Amino acid sequence: MPGKEGGKPASQYWRKREVRQAAEIPLFVDDRWWDTRPNATDQPPAYEGQHDDWTTNAMKMICLLRHNGFVNAAFVDFSTRRAGLKELWSLRWHREYQTRGPWTRAGGAQAQHWPEWMKGFKDY
């Protein structure tokens, strides 16, 4: 459909790499699927490995216990680093993504809100 990619408005997508905070815009991450599109309101997986409703909760495809609470990530500025599992909710996934959403410290998330398997990971 013209003006849409994966059902999302084209206005959400980055058009060039010379943008502010390019080091916070994921280009590639450890993931279960190749074009995952998370939302700031996506719930964390209730248990490690849960991905049963990934079409409506894309973060479950990315929030994977692979590297002691981190996933590997490459960013739009071509830098690479580990990204914390809870940090995933604070990255700039698209131009309209709310980096201060409900699953971030800035959005009010607290340790007790996270599923048991994630409670010990660093907060962002």
C-alpha atoms as a PDB file:
ATOM      1  CA  MET A   1       0.000   0.000   0.000  1.00  0.00           C
ATOM      2  CA  PRO A   2       1.540   3.380  -0.966  1.00  0.00           C
ATOM      3  CA  GLY A   3       2.619   5.472   2.019  1.00  0.00           C
ATOM      4  CA  LYS A   4       2.653   2.453   4.309  1.00  0.00           C
ATOM      5  CA  GLU A   5       5.228  -0.137   5.278  1.00  0.00           C
ATOM      6  CA  GLY A   6       4.054  -3.134   7.228  1.00  0.00           C
ATOM      7  CA  GLY A   7       0.785  -1.358   7.968  1.00  0.00           C
ATOM      8  CA  LYS A   8       2.545   1.608   9.587  1.00  0.00           C
ATOM      9  CA  PRO A   9       2.524   5.177   8.182  1.00  0.00           C
ATOM     10  CA  ALA A  10       5.592   6.024   6.105  1.00  0.00           C
ATOM     11  CA  SER A  11       6.008   9.183   8.210  1.00  0.00           C
ATOM     12  CA  GLN A  12       7.291   7.003  11.071  1.00  0.00           C
ATOM     13  CA  TYR A  13      10.362   5.807   9.202  1.00  0.00           C
ATOM     14  CA  TRP A  14      13.790   7.391   9.110  1.00  0.00           C
ATOM     15  CA  ARG A  15      14.793   8.553   5.637  1.00  0.00           C
ATOM     16  CA  LYS A  16      18.481   9.214   6.225  1.00  0.00           C
ATOM     17  CA  ARG A  17      21.125   8.381   8.776  1.00  0.00           C
ATOM     18  CA  GLU A  18      22.135  11.975   9.507  1.00  0.00           C
ATOM     19  CA  VAL A  19      19.598  12.514  12.297  1.00  0.00           C
ATOM     20  CA  ARG A  20      19.832  13.612  15.910  1.00  0.00           C
ATOM     21  CA  GLN A  21      20.493  10.818  18.384  1.00  0.00           C
ATOM     22  CA  ALA A  22      21.345   8.342  15.631  1.00  0.00           C
ATOM     23  CA  ALA A  23      23.169   6.251  18.249  1.00  0.00           C
ATOM     24  CA  GLU A  24      19.775   5.558  19.877  1.00  0.00           C
ATOM     25  CA  ILE A  25      17.963   4.426  16.714  1.00  0.00           C
ATOM     26  CA  PRO A  26      18.172   0.634  16.243  1.00  0.00           C
ATOM     27  CA  LEU A  27      19.135  -0.540  12.795  1.00  0.00           C
ATOM     28  CA  PHE A  28      19.584  -4.245  13.643  1.00  0.00           C
ATOM     29  CA  VAL A  29      19.098  -6.115  16.917  1.00  0.00           C
ATOM     30  CA  ASP A  30      18.983  -9.716  18.075  1.00  0.00           C
ATOM     31  CA  ASP A  31      15.454 -10.584  17.088  1.00  0.00           C
ATOM     32  CA  ARG A  32      13.138 -13.448  16.185  1.00  0.00           C
ATOM     33  CA  TRP A  33      11.968 -11.709  13.015  1.00  0.00           C
ATOM     34  CA  TRP A  34      13.519  -9.399  10.418  1.00  0.00           C
ATOM     35  CA  ASP A  35      11.182  -6.368  10.458  1.00  0.00           C
ATOM     36  CA  THR A  36       9.807  -6.141  13.967  1.00  0.00           C
ATOM     37  CA  ARG A  37       8.017  -2.876  14.764  1.00  0.00           C
ATOM     38  CA  PRO A  38       7.626  -2.393  18.532  1.00  0.00           C
ATOM     39  CA  ASN A  39       5.383   0.108  20.303  1.00  0.00           C
ATOM     40  CA  ALA A  40       6.156   1.913  23.570  1.00  0.00           C
ATOM     41  CA  THR A  41       3.072   0.304  25.117  1.00  0.00           C
ATOM     42  CA  ASP A  42       4.078  -3.273  24.240  1.00  0.00           C
ATOM     43  CA  GLN A  43       4.053  -5.410  27.391  1.00  0.00           C
ATOM     44  CA  PRO A  44       7.247  -7.242  28.325  1.00  0.00           C
ATOM     45  CA  PRO A  45       7.129 -11.024  27.941  1.00  0.00           C
ATOM     46  CA  ALA A  46       5.564 -12.603  31.032  1.00  0.00           C
ATOM     47  CA  TYR A  47       8.217 -15.330  30.894  1.00  0.00           C
ATOM     48  CA  GLU A  48      11.514 -15.691  29.076  1.00  0.00           C
ATOM     49  CA  GLY A  49      10.878 -16.775  25.497  1.00  0.00           C
ATOM     50  CA  GLN A  50       7.181 -15.822  25.322  1.00  0.00           C
ATOM     51  CA  HIS A  51       6.276 -14.704  21.819  1.00  0.00           C
ATOM     52  CA  ASP A  52       2.735 -15.978  21.390  1.00  0.00           C
ATOM     53  CA  ASP A  53       1.104 -12.668  20.405  1.00  0.00           C
ATOM     54  CA  TRP A  54       3.983 -11.054  18.526  1.00  0.00           C
ATOM     55  CA  THR A  55       1.745  -9.576  15.811  1.00  0.00           C
ATOM     56  CA  THR A  56       0.215  -7.250  18.402  1.00  0.00           C
ATOM     57  CA  ASN A  57       3.203  -7.088  20.768  1.00  0.00           C
ATOM     58  CA  ALA A  58       6.394  -6.859  18.757  1.00  0.00           C
ATOM     59  CA  MET A  59       8.642  -6.275  21.762  1.00  0.00           C
ATOM     60  CA  LYS A  60       8.229  -9.958  22.611  1.00  0.00           C
ATOM     61  CA  MET A  61      10.197 -10.717  19.452  1.00  0.00           C
ATOM     62  CA  ILE A  62      13.112  -8.548  20.572  1.00  0.00           C
ATOM     63  CA  CYS A  63      13.192  -8.916  24.368  1.00  0.00           C
ATOM     64  CA  LEU A  64      15.209 -12.141  24.371  1.00  0.00           C
ATOM     65  CA  LEU A  65      17.444 -13.499  27.096  1.00  0.00           C
ATOM     66  CA  ARG A  66      20.561 -14.046  25.026  1.00  0.00           C
ATOM     67  CA  HIS A  67      23.432 -12.163  26.663  1.00  0.00           C
ATOM     68  CA  ASN A  68      22.829 -11.861  30.421  1.00  0.00           C
ATOM     69  CA  GLY A  69      20.077  -9.245  30.163  1.00  0.00           C
ATOM     70  CA  PHE A  70      21.254  -7.625  26.927  1.00  0.00           C
ATOM     71  CA  VAL A  71      20.835  -8.017  23.178  1.00  0.00           C
ATOM     72  CA  ASN A  72      23.385  -7.019  20.563  1.00  0.00           C
ATOM     73  CA  ALA A  73      22.416  -3.983  18.533  1.00  0.00           C
ATOM     74  CA  ALA A  74      23.647  -1.887  15.601  1.00  0.00           C
ATOM     75  CA  PHE A  75      22.414   1.676  15.358  1.00  0.00           C
ATOM     76  CA  VAL A  76      21.760   4.161  12.546  1.00  0.00           C
ATOM     77  CA  ASP A  77      25.136   5.866  13.164  1.00  0.00           C
ATOM     78  CA  PHE A  78      26.690   2.394  12.508  1.00  0.00           C
ATOM     79  CA  SER A  79      27.826   2.022  16.108  1.00  0.00           C
ATOM     80  CA  THR A  80      27.303  -1.292  17.848  1.00  0.00           C
ATOM     81  CA  ARG A  81      26.784  -2.101  21.511  1.00  0.00           C
ATOM     82  CA  ARG A  82      24.813  -4.211  23.920  1.00  0.00           C
ATOM     83  CA  ALA A  83      21.341  -2.879  24.681  1.00  0.00           C
ATOM     84  CA  GLY A  84      19.715  -3.752  27.995  1.00  0.00           C
ATOM     85  CA  LEU A  85      16.452  -5.665  27.762  1.00  0.00           C
ATOM     86  CA  LYS A  86      14.584  -2.950  29.680  1.00  0.00           C
ATOM     87  CA  GLU A  87      16.407  -0.322  27.607  1.00  0.00           C
ATOM     88  CA  LEU A  88      14.619  -1.600  24.499  1.00  0.00           C
ATOM     89  CA  TRP A  89      11.542   0.402  25.527  1.00  0.00           C
ATOM     90  CA  SER A  90      13.573   3.654  25.588  1.00  0.00           C
ATOM     91  CA  LEU A  91      15.198   3.394  22.136  1.00  0.00           C
ATOM     92  CA  ARG A  92      13.996   5.457  19.171  1.00  0.00           C
ATOM     93  CA  TRP A  93      12.378   2.677  17.109  1.00  0.00           C
ATOM     94  CA  HIS A  94      10.693   5.117  14.728  1.00  0.00           C
ATOM     95  CA  ARG A  95      10.133   8.859  14.398  1.00  0.00           C
ATOM     96  CA  GLU A  96       6.927   8.823  16.453  1.00  0.00           C
ATOM     97  CA  TYR A  97       8.031   6.308  19.086  1.00  0.00           C
ATOM     98  CA  GLN A  98       7.519   7.488  22.693  1.00  0.00           C
ATOM     99  CA  THR A  99      10.916   7.012  24.382  1.00  0.00           C
ATOM    100  CA  ARG A 100       9.388   8.010  27.719  1.00  0.00           C
ATOM    101  CA  GLY A 101       6.639   5.400  27.528  1.00  0.00           C
ATOM    102  CA  PRO A 102       5.069   3.442  30.373  1.00  0.00           C
ATOM    103  CA  TRP A 103       7.864   0.841  30.466  1.00  0.00           C
ATOM    104  CA  THR A 104      10.631   3.391  31.126  1.00  0.00           C
ATOM    105  CA  ARG A 105      11.701   5.034  34.393  1.00  0.00           C
ATOM    106  CA  ALA A 106      10.704   8.383  32.874  1.00  0.00           C
ATOM    107  CA  GLY A 107       7.252   6.940  32.171  1.00  0.00           C
ATOM    108  CA  GLY A 108       6.825   5.655  35.717  1.00  0.00           C
ATOM    109  CA  ALA A 109       7.900   2.019  35.417  1.00  0.00           C
ATOM    110  CA  GLN A 110       9.253   0.579  38.648  1.00  0.00           C
ATOM    111  CA  ALA A 111      11.069  -2.662  39.360  1.00  0.00           C
ATOM    112  CA  GLN A 112       7.954  -4.379  40.705  1.00  0.00           C
ATOM    113  CA  HIS A 113       6.071  -3.734  37.441  1.00  0.00           C
ATOM    114  CA  TRP A 114       8.377  -6.013  35.449  1.00  0.00           C
ATOM    115  CA  PRO A 115       7.889  -9.767  35.100  1.00  0.00           C
ATOM    116  CA  GLU A 116       9.854 -11.796  37.635  1.00  0.00           C
ATOM    117  CA  TRP A 117      12.456 -12.952  35.103  1.00  0.00           C
ATOM    118  CA  MET A 118      13.308  -9.308  34.233  1.00  0.00           C
ATOM    119  CA  LYS A 119      13.210  -7.657  37.676  1.00  0.00           C
ATOM    120  CA  GLY A 120      16.972  -7.962  38.251  1.00  0.00           C
ATOM    121  CA  PHE A 121      17.947  -6.264  34.995  1.00  0.00           C
ATOM    122  CA  LYS A 122      19.061  -2.634  34.874  1.00  0.00           C
ATOM    123  CA  ASP A 123      16.270  -0.046  34.644  1.00  0.00           C
ATOM    124  CA  TYR A 124      16.264   2.693  31.963  1.00  0.00           C
END
